[in-house]
Amino acid sequence: MSGEHNSSFDIKGIWMVFWVLFAITVLEFILALVIPEAFIAKPIKNVIYIALTLLKAFYIVAYFMHLKFERINMIYSIILPTVFVLGVIAALMYESDYWFTLR
């Protein structure tokens, strides 16, 4: 054995993911530091930040945590509970002022 690791994800793929993550980060910095809020409203900027951050999280989870190469059942066992927990957090935040408005 030569000690080489046989994988479908090689150095070229790692560099591709690096450049994608780098480009997304550059877009975030340009959005934050170059584009004034008079041109793009702050709520729209926040939505763009969230979308770009979720895209970066997708790339990190898919490639560096090797989730892209897993079976679909494994992916669902990770994604579905995460979506459920985020839904519960959103519902709790939406209903959080109920006790204050009860009086």
PDB file of N, CA and C in Angstrom:
ATOM      1  N   MET A   1       0.832  -1.188   0.000  1.00  0.00           N
ATOM      2  CA  MET A   1       0.000   0.000   0.000  1.00  0.00           C
ATOM      3  C   MET A   1       0.873   1.248   0.000  1.00  0.00           C
ATOM      4  N   SER A   2       0.486   2.189  -0.796  1.00  0.00           N
ATOM      5  CA  SER A   2       1.290   3.396  -0.932  1.00  0.00           C
ATOM      6  C   SER A   2       0.896   4.470   0.069  1.00  0.00           C
ATOM      7  N   GLY A   3      -0.196   4.266   0.801  1.00  0.00           N
ATOM      8  CA  GLY A   3      -0.600   5.256   1.797  1.00  0.00           C
ATOM      9  C   GLY A   3      -1.497   6.341   1.255  1.00  0.00           C
ATOM     10  N   GLU A   4      -1.833   6.254  -0.037  1.00  0.00           N
ATOM     11  CA  GLU A   4      -2.709   7.260  -0.615  1.00  0.00           C
ATOM     12  C   GLU A   4      -4.152   6.983  -0.223  1.00  0.00           C
ATOM     13  N   HIS A   5      -4.893   8.023  -0.056  1.00  0.00           N
ATOM     14  CA  HIS A   5      -6.308   7.917   0.297  1.00  0.00           C
ATOM     15  C   HIS A   5      -7.135   8.043  -0.969  1.00  0.00           C
ATOM     16  N   ASN A   6      -7.874   7.005  -1.294  1.00  0.00           N
ATOM     17  CA  ASN A   6      -8.703   7.022  -2.496  1.00  0.00           C
ATOM     18  C   ASN A   6     -10.019   7.702  -2.166  1.00  0.00           C
ATOM     19  N   SER A   7     -10.248   8.869  -2.739  1.00  0.00           N
ATOM     20  CA  SER A   7     -11.448   9.637  -2.440  1.00  0.00           C
ATOM     21  C   SER A   7     -11.953  10.288  -3.709  1.00  0.00           C
ATOM     22  N   SER A   8     -13.272  10.542  -3.721  1.00  0.00           N
ATOM     23  CA  SER A   8     -13.846  11.218  -4.878  1.00  0.00           C
ATOM     24  C   SER A   8     -13.682  12.733  -4.764  1.00  0.00           C
ATOM     25  N   PHE A   9     -13.161  13.190  -3.655  1.00  0.00           N
ATOM     26  CA  PHE A   9     -12.982  14.618  -3.419  1.00  0.00           C
ATOM     27  C   PHE A   9     -11.488  14.891  -3.335  1.00  0.00           C
ATOM     28  N   ASP A  10     -10.922  15.469  -4.383  1.00  0.00           N
ATOM     29  CA  ASP A  10      -9.489  15.661  -4.462  1.00  0.00           C
ATOM     30  C   ASP A  10      -9.099  17.103  -4.150  1.00  0.00           C
ATOM     31  N   ILE A  11      -7.823  17.406  -4.324  1.00  0.00           N
ATOM     32  CA  ILE A  11      -7.296  18.734  -4.038  1.00  0.00           C
ATOM     33  C   ILE A  11      -7.966  19.790  -4.911  1.00  0.00           C
ATOM     34  N   LYS A  12      -8.238  19.463  -6.163  1.00  0.00           N
ATOM     35  CA  LYS A  12      -8.895  20.411  -7.062  1.00  0.00           C
ATOM     36  C   LYS A  12     -10.287  20.772  -6.541  1.00  0.00           C
ATOM     37  N   GLY A  13     -11.010  19.796  -6.012  1.00  0.00           N
ATOM     38  CA  GLY A  13     -12.325  20.049  -5.439  1.00  0.00           C
ATOM     39  C   GLY A  13     -12.251  20.919  -4.196  1.00  0.00           C
ATOM     40  N   ILE A  14     -11.234  20.706  -3.374  1.00  0.00           N
ATOM     41  CA  ILE A  14     -11.057  21.520  -2.173  1.00  0.00           C
ATOM     42  C   ILE A  14     -10.788  22.972  -2.560  1.00  0.00           C
ATOM     43  N   TRP A  15      -9.933  23.185  -3.564  1.00  0.00           N
ATOM     44  CA  TRP A  15      -9.654  24.552  -4.007  1.00  0.00           C
ATOM     45  C   TRP A  15     -10.900  25.213  -4.601  1.00  0.00           C
ATOM     46  N   MET A  16     -11.716  24.424  -5.302  1.00  0.00           N
ATOM     47  CA  MET A  16     -12.948  24.974  -5.865  1.00  0.00           C
ATOM     48  C   MET A  16     -13.875  25.458  -4.751  1.00  0.00           C
ATOM     49  N   VAL A  17     -14.023  24.650  -3.717  1.00  0.00           N
ATOM     50  CA  VAL A  17     -14.856  25.048  -2.583  1.00  0.00           C
ATOM     51  C   VAL A  17     -14.246  26.255  -1.882  1.00  0.00           C
ATOM     52  N   PHE A  18     -12.927  26.288  -1.740  1.00  0.00           N
ATOM     53  CA  PHE A  18     -12.266  27.437  -1.129  1.00  0.00           C
ATOM     54  C   PHE A  18     -12.590  28.716  -1.890  1.00  0.00           C
ATOM     55  N   TRP A  19     -12.496  28.672  -3.226  1.00  0.00           N
ATOM     56  CA  TRP A  19     -12.743  29.886  -4.011  1.00  0.00           C
ATOM     57  C   TRP A  19     -14.215  30.298  -3.960  1.00  0.00           C
ATOM     58  N   VAL A  20     -15.113  29.334  -3.897  1.00  0.00           N
ATOM     59  CA  VAL A  20     -16.539  29.675  -3.761  1.00  0.00           C
ATOM     60  C   VAL A  20     -16.782  30.363  -2.418  1.00  0.00           C
ATOM     61  N   LEU A  21     -16.233  29.791  -1.341  1.00  0.00           N
ATOM     62  CA  LEU A  21     -16.382  30.410  -0.019  1.00  0.00           C
ATOM     63  C   LEU A  21     -15.721  31.784   0.035  1.00  0.00           C
ATOM     64  N   PHE A  22     -14.574  31.911  -0.600  1.00  0.00           N
ATOM     65  CA  PHE A  22     -13.885  33.193  -0.655  1.00  0.00           C
ATOM     66  C   PHE A  22     -14.711  34.235  -1.402  1.00  0.00           C
ATOM     67  N   ALA A  23     -15.302  33.842  -2.530  1.00  0.00           N
ATOM     68  CA  ALA A  23     -16.119  34.772  -3.310  1.00  0.00           C
ATOM     69  C   ALA A  23     -17.357  35.215  -2.526  1.00  0.00           C
ATOM     70  N   ILE A  24     -17.978  34.290  -1.818  1.00  0.00           N
ATOM     71  CA  ILE A  24     -19.150  34.660  -1.009  1.00  0.00           C
ATOM     72  C   ILE A  24     -18.746  35.626   0.091  1.00  0.00           C
ATOM     73  N   THR A  25     -17.604  35.380   0.720  1.00  0.00           N
ATOM     74  CA  THR A  25     -17.125  36.281   1.778  1.00  0.00           C
ATOM     75  C   THR A  25     -16.811  37.658   1.211  1.00  0.00           C
ATOM     76  N   VAL A  26     -16.207  37.718   0.040  1.00  0.00           N
ATOM     77  CA  VAL A  26     -15.923  39.009  -0.600  1.00  0.00           C
ATOM     78  C   VAL A  26     -17.224  39.746  -0.892  1.00  0.00           C
ATOM     79  N   LEU A  27     -18.240  39.032  -1.372  1.00  0.00           N
ATOM     80  CA  LEU A  27     -19.544  39.657  -1.607  1.00  0.00           C
ATOM     81  C   LEU A  27     -20.133  40.237  -0.323  1.00  0.00           C
ATOM     82  N   GLU A  28     -19.986  39.500   0.763  1.00  0.00           N
ATOM     83  CA  GLU A  28     -20.487  40.002   2.050  1.00  0.00           C
ATOM     84  C   GLU A  28     -19.749  41.267   2.474  1.00  0.00           C
ATOM     85  N   PHE A  29     -18.434  41.290   2.305  1.00  0.00           N
ATOM     86  CA  PHE A  29     -17.667  42.479   2.663  1.00  0.00           C
ATOM     87  C   PHE A  29     -18.020  43.664   1.770  1.00  0.00           C
ATOM     88  N   ILE A  30     -18.191  43.426   0.494  1.00  0.00           N
ATOM     89  CA  ILE A  30     -18.586  44.507  -0.412  1.00  0.00           C
ATOM     90  C   ILE A  30     -19.951  45.045  -0.016  1.00  0.00           C
ATOM     91  N   LEU A  31     -20.868  44.156   0.295  1.00  0.00           N
ATOM     92  CA  LEU A  31     -22.200  44.572   0.716  1.00  0.00           C
ATOM     93  C   LEU A  31     -22.147  45.379   2.010  1.00  0.00           C
ATOM     94  N   ALA A  32     -21.260  45.003   2.911  1.00  0.00           N
ATOM     95  CA  ALA A  32     -21.181  45.684   4.206  1.00  0.00           C
ATOM     96  C   ALA A  32     -20.417  46.999   4.138  1.00  0.00           C
ATOM     97  N   LEU A  33     -19.339  47.044   3.368  1.00  0.00           N
ATOM     98  CA  LEU A  33     -18.440  48.191   3.448  1.00  0.00           C
ATOM     99  C   LEU A  33     -18.506  49.139   2.254  1.00  0.00           C
ATOM    100  N   VAL A  34     -18.933  48.682   1.103  1.00  0.00           N
ATOM    101  CA  VAL A  34     -18.878  49.505  -0.099  1.00  0.00           C
ATOM    102  C   VAL A  34     -20.242  50.074  -0.473  1.00  0.00           C
ATOM    103  N   ILE A  35     -21.262  49.241  -0.438  1.00  0.00           N
ATOM    104  CA  ILE A  35     -22.591  49.671  -0.880  1.00  0.00           C
ATOM    105  C   ILE A  35     -23.279  50.422   0.256  1.00  0.00           C
ATOM    106  N   PRO A  36     -23.642  51.682   0.035  1.00  0.00           N
ATOM    107  CA  PRO A  36     -24.286  52.458   1.111  1.00  0.00           C
ATOM    108  C   PRO A  36     -25.730  52.012   1.337  1.00  0.00           C
ATOM    109  N   GLU A  37     -26.237  52.309   2.538  1.00  0.00           N
ATOM    110  CA  GLU A  37     -27.605  51.931   2.860  1.00  0.00           C
ATOM    111  C   GLU A  37     -28.623  52.776   2.109  1.00  0.00           C
ATOM    112  N   ALA A  38     -28.184  53.877   1.517  1.00  0.00           N
ATOM    113  CA  ALA A  38     -29.104  54.669   0.694  1.00  0.00           C
ATOM    114  C   ALA A  38     -29.420  53.943  -0.613  1.00  0.00           C
ATOM    115  N   PHE A  39     -28.511  53.064  -1.039  1.00  0.00           N
ATOM    116  CA  PHE A  39     -28.704  52.319  -2.282  1.00  0.00           C
ATOM    117  C   PHE A  39     -29.533  51.052  -2.061  1.00  0.00           C
ATOM    118  N   ILE A  40     -29.217  50.329  -0.987  1.00  0.00           N
ATOM    119  CA  ILE A  40     -29.964  49.113  -0.624  1.00  0.00           C
ATOM    120  C   ILE A  40     -30.425  49.280   0.826  1.00  0.00           C
ATOM    121  N   ALA A  41     -31.712  49.081   1.066  1.00  0.00           N
ATOM    122  CA  ALA A  41     -32.263  49.242   2.418  1.00  0.00           C
ATOM    123  C   ALA A  41     -31.676  48.190   3.362  1.00  0.00           C
ATOM    124  N   LYS A  42     -31.619  48.546   4.643  1.00  0.00           N
ATOM    125  CA  LYS A  42     -31.024  47.664   5.636  1.00  0.00           C
ATOM    126  C   LYS A  42     -31.734  46.312   5.737  1.00  0.00           C
ATOM    127  N   PRO A  43     -33.076  46.250   5.728  1.00  0.00           N
ATOM    128  CA  PRO A  43     -33.720  44.920   5.781  1.00  0.00           C
ATOM    129  C   PRO A  43     -33.362  44.036   4.584  1.00  0.00           C
ATOM    130  N   ILE A  44     -33.207  44.644   3.428  1.00  0.00           N
ATOM    131  CA  ILE A  44     -32.817  43.863   2.247  1.00  0.00           C
ATOM    132  C   ILE A  44     -31.382  43.376   2.393  1.00  0.00           C
ATOM    133  N   LYS A  45     -30.510  44.234   2.929  1.00  0.00           N
ATOM    134  CA  LYS A  45     -29.129  43.813   3.193  1.00  0.00           C
ATOM    135  C   LYS A  45     -29.104  42.638   4.161  1.00  0.00           C
ATOM    136  N   ASN A  46     -29.937  42.697   5.203  1.00  0.00           N
ATOM    137  CA  ASN A  46     -29.967  41.609   6.179  1.00  0.00           C
ATOM    138  C   ASN A  46     -30.413  40.300   5.545  1.00  0.00           C
ATOM    139  N   VAL A  47     -31.396  40.354   4.670  1.00  0.00           N
ATOM    140  CA  VAL A  47     -31.850  39.139   3.980  1.00  0.00           C
ATOM    141  C   VAL A  47     -30.741  38.591   3.098  1.00  0.00           C
ATOM    142  N   ILE A  48     -30.003  39.472   2.423  1.00  0.00           N
ATOM    143  CA  ILE A  48     -28.899  39.029   1.577  1.00  0.00           C
ATOM    144  C   ILE A  48     -27.794  38.410   2.431  1.00  0.00           C
ATOM    145  N   TYR A  49     -27.474  39.025   3.586  1.00  0.00           N
ATOM    146  CA  TYR A  49     -26.475  38.454   4.495  1.00  0.00           C
ATOM    147  C   TYR A  49     -26.878  37.051   4.927  1.00  0.00           C
ATOM    148  N   ILE A  50     -28.132  36.891   5.322  1.00  0.00           N
ATOM    149  CA  ILE A  50     -28.611  35.585   5.789  1.00  0.00           C
ATOM    150  C   ILE A  50     -28.519  34.558   4.669  1.00  0.00           C
ATOM    151  N   ALA A  51     -28.924  34.941   3.467  1.00  0.00           N
ATOM    152  CA  ALA A  51     -28.862  34.011   2.338  1.00  0.00           C
ATOM    153  C   ALA A  51     -27.422  33.614   2.021  1.00  0.00           C
ATOM    154  N   LEU A  52     -26.510  34.582   2.018  1.00  0.00           N
ATOM    155  CA  LEU A  52     -25.108  34.266   1.736  1.00  0.00           C
ATOM    156  C   LEU A  52     -24.497  33.405   2.843  1.00  0.00           C
ATOM    157  N   THR A  53     -24.867  33.670   4.088  1.00  0.00           N
ATOM    158  CA  THR A  53     -24.362  32.877   5.199  1.00  0.00           C
ATOM    159  C   THR A  53     -24.884  31.446   5.126  1.00  0.00           C
ATOM    160  N   LEU A  54     -26.153  31.274   4.778  1.00  0.00           N
ATOM    161  CA  LEU A  54     -26.694  29.925   4.619  1.00  0.00           C
ATOM    162  C   LEU A  54     -26.024  29.196   3.461  1.00  0.00           C
ATOM    163  N   LEU A  55     -25.702  29.910   2.400  1.00  0.00           N
ATOM    164  CA  LEU A  55     -24.987  29.298   1.284  1.00  0.00           C
ATOM    165  C   LEU A  55     -23.598  28.839   1.711  1.00  0.00           C
ATOM    166  N   LYS A  56     -22.911  29.669   2.486  1.00  0.00           N
ATOM    167  CA  LYS A  56     -21.598  29.267   2.991  1.00  0.00           C
ATOM    168  C   LYS A  56     -21.720  28.061   3.915  1.00  0.00           C
ATOM    169  N   ALA A  57     -22.735  28.044   4.766  1.00  0.00           N
ATOM    170  CA  ALA A  57     -22.942  26.908   5.661  1.00  0.00           C
ATOM    171  C   ALA A  57     -23.213  25.638   4.857  1.00  0.00           C
ATOM    172  N   PHE A  58     -23.984  25.762   3.771  1.00  0.00           N
ATOM    173  CA  PHE A  58     -24.233  24.602   2.911  1.00  0.00           C
ATOM    174  C   PHE A  58     -22.934  24.038   2.366  1.00  0.00           C
ATOM    175  N   TYR A  59     -22.073  24.903   1.849  1.00  0.00           N
ATOM    176  CA  TYR A  59     -20.811  24.421   1.290  1.00  0.00           C
ATOM    177  C   TYR A  59     -19.933  23.772   2.348  1.00  0.00           C
ATOM    178  N   ILE A  60     -19.887  24.351   3.515  1.00  0.00           N
ATOM    179  CA  ILE A  60     -19.050  23.780   4.580  1.00  0.00           C
ATOM    180  C   ILE A  60     -19.573  22.421   4.997  1.00  0.00           C
ATOM    181  N   VAL A  61     -20.877  22.325   5.213  1.00  0.00           N
ATOM    182  CA  VAL A  61     -21.455  21.044   5.624  1.00  0.00           C
ATOM    183  C   VAL A  61     -21.362  20.020   4.502  1.00  0.00           C
ATOM    184  N   ALA A  62     -21.638  20.432   3.285  1.00  0.00           N
ATOM    185  CA  ALA A  62     -21.661  19.482   2.173  1.00  0.00           C
ATOM    186  C   ALA A  62     -20.277  18.932   1.850  1.00  0.00           C
ATOM    187  N   TYR A  63     -19.272  19.775   1.846  1.00  0.00           N
ATOM    188  CA  TYR A  63     -17.963  19.320   1.395  1.00  0.00           C
ATOM    189  C   TYR A  63     -17.012  18.974   2.534  1.00  0.00           C
ATOM    190  N   PHE A  64     -16.869  19.831   3.534  1.00  0.00           N
ATOM    191  CA  PHE A  64     -15.881  19.572   4.564  1.00  0.00           C
ATOM    192  C   PHE A  64     -16.383  18.611   5.633  1.00  0.00           C
ATOM    193  N   MET A  65     -17.705  18.495   5.778  1.00  0.00           N
ATOM    194  CA  MET A  65     -18.254  17.480   6.677  1.00  0.00           C
ATOM    195  C   MET A  65     -18.706  16.257   5.878  1.00  0.00           C
ATOM    196  N   HIS A  66     -18.439  16.247   4.582  1.00  0.00           N
ATOM    197  CA  HIS A  66     -18.672  15.126   3.676  1.00  0.00           C
ATOM    198  C   HIS A  66     -20.132  14.708   3.597  1.00  0.00           C
ATOM    199  N   LEU A  67     -21.043  15.606   3.863  1.00  0.00           N
ATOM    200  CA  LEU A  67     -22.460  15.262   3.791  1.00  0.00           C
ATOM    201  C   LEU A  67     -22.924  15.097   2.351  1.00  0.00           C
ATOM    202  N   LYS A  68     -22.247  15.736   1.416  1.00  0.00           N
ATOM    203  CA  LYS A  68     -22.615  15.605   0.006  1.00  0.00           C
ATOM    204  C   LYS A  68     -22.426  14.180  -0.490  1.00  0.00           C
ATOM    205  N   PHE A  69     -21.514  13.466   0.103  1.00  0.00           N
ATOM    206  CA  PHE A  69     -21.181  12.130  -0.348  1.00  0.00           C
ATOM    207  C   PHE A  69     -21.934  11.040   0.414  1.00  0.00           C
ATOM    208  N   GLU A  70     -22.840  11.433   1.295  1.00  0.00           N
ATOM    209  CA  GLU A  70     -23.603  10.465   2.080  1.00  0.00           C
ATOM    210  C   GLU A  70     -24.882  10.072   1.367  1.00  0.00           C
ATOM    211  N   ARG A  71     -25.522   9.050   1.885  1.00  0.00           N
ATOM    212  CA  ARG A  71     -26.806   8.619   1.356  1.00  0.00           C
ATOM    213  C   ARG A  71     -27.877   9.621   1.778  1.00  0.00           C
ATOM    214  N   ILE A  72     -28.975   9.610   1.057  1.00  0.00           N
ATOM    215  CA  ILE A  72     -30.045  10.573   1.299  1.00  0.00           C
ATOM    216  C   ILE A  72     -30.678  10.375   2.683  1.00  0.00           C
ATOM    217  N   ASN A  73     -30.746   9.147   3.186  1.00  0.00           N
ATOM    218  CA  ASN A  73     -31.318   8.910   4.516  1.00  0.00           C
ATOM    219  C   ASN A  73     -30.471   9.571   5.602  1.00  0.00           C
ATOM    220  N   MET A  74     -29.163   9.539   5.433  1.00  0.00           N
ATOM    221  CA  MET A  74     -28.275  10.198   6.397  1.00  0.00           C
ATOM    222  C   MET A  74     -28.469  11.708   6.347  1.00  0.00           C
ATOM    223  N   ILE A  75     -28.628  12.237   5.158  1.00  0.00           N
ATOM    224  CA  ILE A  75     -28.835  13.678   5.013  1.00  0.00           C
ATOM    225  C   ILE A  75     -30.143  14.085   5.689  1.00  0.00           C
ATOM    226  N   TYR A  76     -31.213  13.329   5.432  1.00  0.00           N
ATOM    227  CA  TYR A  76     -32.502  13.647   6.059  1.00  0.00           C
ATOM    228  C   TYR A  76     -32.447  13.522   7.574  1.00  0.00           C
ATOM    229  N   SER A  77     -31.669  12.588   8.091  1.00  0.00           N
ATOM    230  CA  SER A  77     -31.594  12.420   9.541  1.00  0.00           C
ATOM    231  C   SER A  77     -30.872  13.595  10.204  1.00  0.00           C
ATOM    232  N   ILE A  78     -30.138  14.365   9.444  1.00  0.00           N
ATOM    233  CA  ILE A  78     -29.478  15.549   9.986  1.00  0.00           C
ATOM    234  C   ILE A  78     -30.296  16.809   9.705  1.00  0.00           C
ATOM    235  N   ILE A  79     -30.835  16.928   8.495  1.00  0.00           N
ATOM    236  CA  ILE A  79     -31.535  18.149   8.100  1.00  0.00           C
ATOM    237  C   ILE A  79     -32.897  18.278   8.768  1.00  0.00           C
ATOM    238  N   LEU A  80     -33.689  17.218   8.801  1.00  0.00           N
ATOM    239  CA  LEU A  80     -35.048  17.314   9.336  1.00  0.00           C
ATOM    240  C   LEU A  80     -35.094  17.718  10.813  1.00  0.00           C
ATOM    241  N   PRO A  81     -34.288  17.117  11.706  1.00  0.00           N
ATOM    242  CA  PRO A  81     -34.312  17.608  13.088  1.00  0.00           C
ATOM    243  C   PRO A  81     -33.846  19.063  13.227  1.00  0.00           C
ATOM    244  N   THR A  82     -32.897  19.470  12.394  1.00  0.00           N
ATOM    245  CA  THR A  82     -32.433  20.850  12.432  1.00  0.00           C
ATOM    246  C   THR A  82     -33.555  21.807  12.032  1.00  0.00           C
ATOM    247  N   VAL A  83     -34.276  21.477  10.967  1.00  0.00           N
ATOM    248  CA  VAL A  83     -35.399  22.309  10.535  1.00  0.00           C
ATOM    249  C   VAL A  83     -36.476  22.343  11.617  1.00  0.00           C
ATOM    250  N   PHE A  84     -36.745  21.205  12.249  1.00  0.00           N
ATOM    251  CA  PHE A  84     -37.737  21.151  13.318  1.00  0.00           C
ATOM    252  C   PHE A  84     -37.336  22.045  14.493  1.00  0.00           C
ATOM    253  N   VAL A  85     -36.088  21.956  14.919  1.00  0.00           N
ATOM    254  CA  VAL A  85     -35.617  22.777  16.042  1.00  0.00           C
ATOM    255  C   VAL A  85     -35.683  24.258  15.682  1.00  0.00           C
ATOM    256  N   LEU A  86     -35.299  24.625  14.471  1.00  0.00           N
ATOM    257  CA  LEU A  86     -35.399  26.023  14.055  1.00  0.00           C
ATOM    258  C   LEU A  86     -36.847  26.484  14.013  1.00  0.00           C
ATOM    259  N   GLY A  87     -37.753  25.604  13.609  1.00  0.00           N
ATOM    260  CA  GLY A  87     -39.173  25.938  13.628  1.00  0.00           C
ATOM    261  C   GLY A  87     -39.697  26.150  15.036  1.00  0.00           C
ATOM    262  N   VAL A  88     -39.266  25.315  15.969  1.00  0.00           N
ATOM    263  CA  VAL A  88     -39.668  25.484  17.365  1.00  0.00           C
ATOM    264  C   VAL A  88     -39.124  26.795  17.921  1.00  0.00           C
ATOM    265  N   ILE A  89     -37.895  27.117  17.611  1.00  0.00           N
ATOM    266  CA  ILE A  89     -37.315  28.379  18.075  1.00  0.00           C
ATOM    267  C   ILE A  89     -38.085  29.558  17.488  1.00  0.00           C
ATOM    268  N   ALA A  90     -38.425  29.500  16.211  1.00  0.00           N
ATOM    269  CA  ALA A  90     -39.190  30.581  15.591  1.00  0.00           C
ATOM    270  C   ALA A  90     -40.565  30.714  16.237  1.00  0.00           C
ATOM    271  N   ALA A  91     -41.239  29.602  16.514  1.00  0.00           N
ATOM    272  CA  ALA A  91     -42.551  29.645  17.158  1.00  0.00           C
ATOM    273  C   ALA A  91     -42.453  30.214  18.570  1.00  0.00           C
ATOM    274  N   LEU A  92     -41.434  29.829  19.298  1.00  0.00           N
ATOM    275  CA  LEU A  92     -41.251  30.356  20.654  1.00  0.00           C
ATOM    276  C   LEU A  92     -40.959  31.847  20.632  1.00  0.00           C
ATOM    277  N   MET A  93     -40.183  32.291  19.661  1.00  0.00           N
ATOM    278  CA  MET A  93     -39.907  33.729  19.563  1.00  0.00           C
ATOM    279  C   MET A  93     -41.169  34.493  19.196  1.00  0.00           C
ATOM    280  N   TYR A  94     -41.995  33.920  18.329  1.00  0.00           N
ATOM    281  CA  TYR A  94     -43.233  34.581  17.917  1.00  0.00           C
ATOM    282  C   TYR A  94     -44.207  34.699  19.093  1.00  0.00           C
ATOM    283  N   GLU A  95     -44.270  33.682  19.939  1.00  0.00           N
ATOM    284  CA  GLU A  95     -45.212  33.666  21.062  1.00  0.00           C
ATOM    285  C   GLU A  95     -44.598  34.181  22.365  1.00  0.00           C
ATOM    286  N   SER A  96     -43.399  34.716  22.329  1.00  0.00           N
ATOM    287  CA  SER A  96     -42.700  35.061  23.573  1.00  0.00           C
ATOM    288  C   SER A  96     -43.334  36.197  24.345  1.00  0.00           C
ATOM    289  N   ASP A  97     -44.057  37.087  23.691  1.00  0.00           N
ATOM    290  CA  ASP A  97     -44.654  38.204  24.422  1.00  0.00           C
ATOM    291  C   ASP A  97     -46.088  37.918  24.870  1.00  0.00           C
ATOM    292  N   TYR A  98     -46.541  36.689  24.762  1.00  0.00           N
ATOM    293  CA  TYR A  98     -47.911  36.342  25.128  1.00  0.00           C
ATOM    294  C   TYR A  98     -48.199  36.652  26.594  1.00  0.00           C
ATOM    295  N   TRP A  99     -47.273  36.311  27.479  1.00  0.00           N
ATOM    296  CA  TRP A  99     -47.507  36.515  28.909  1.00  0.00           C
ATOM    297  C   TRP A  99     -47.566  37.996  29.261  1.00  0.00           C
ATOM    298  N   PHE A 100     -46.842  38.827  28.527  1.00  0.00           N
ATOM    299  CA  PHE A 100     -46.866  40.273  28.802  1.00  0.00           C
ATOM    300  C   PHE A 100     -48.149  40.905  28.302  1.00  0.00           C
ATOM    301  N   THR A 101     -48.712  40.412  27.231  1.00  0.00           N
ATOM    302  CA  THR A 101     -49.948  40.972  26.682  1.00  0.00           C
ATOM    303  C   THR A 101     -51.180  40.331  27.266  1.00  0.00           C
ATOM    304  N   LEU A 102     -51.018  39.354  28.140  1.00  0.00           N
ATOM    305  CA  LEU A 102     -52.141  38.640  28.742  1.00  0.00           C
ATOM    306  C   LEU A 102     -52.914  39.534  29.702  1.00  0.00           C
ATOM    307  N   ARG A 103     -52.229  40.465  30.365  1.00  0.00           N
ATOM    308  CA  ARG A 103     -52.879  41.303  31.380  1.00  0.00           C
ATOM    309  C   ARG A 103     -53.761  42.308  30.769  1.00  0.00           C
TER     310      ARG A 103
END
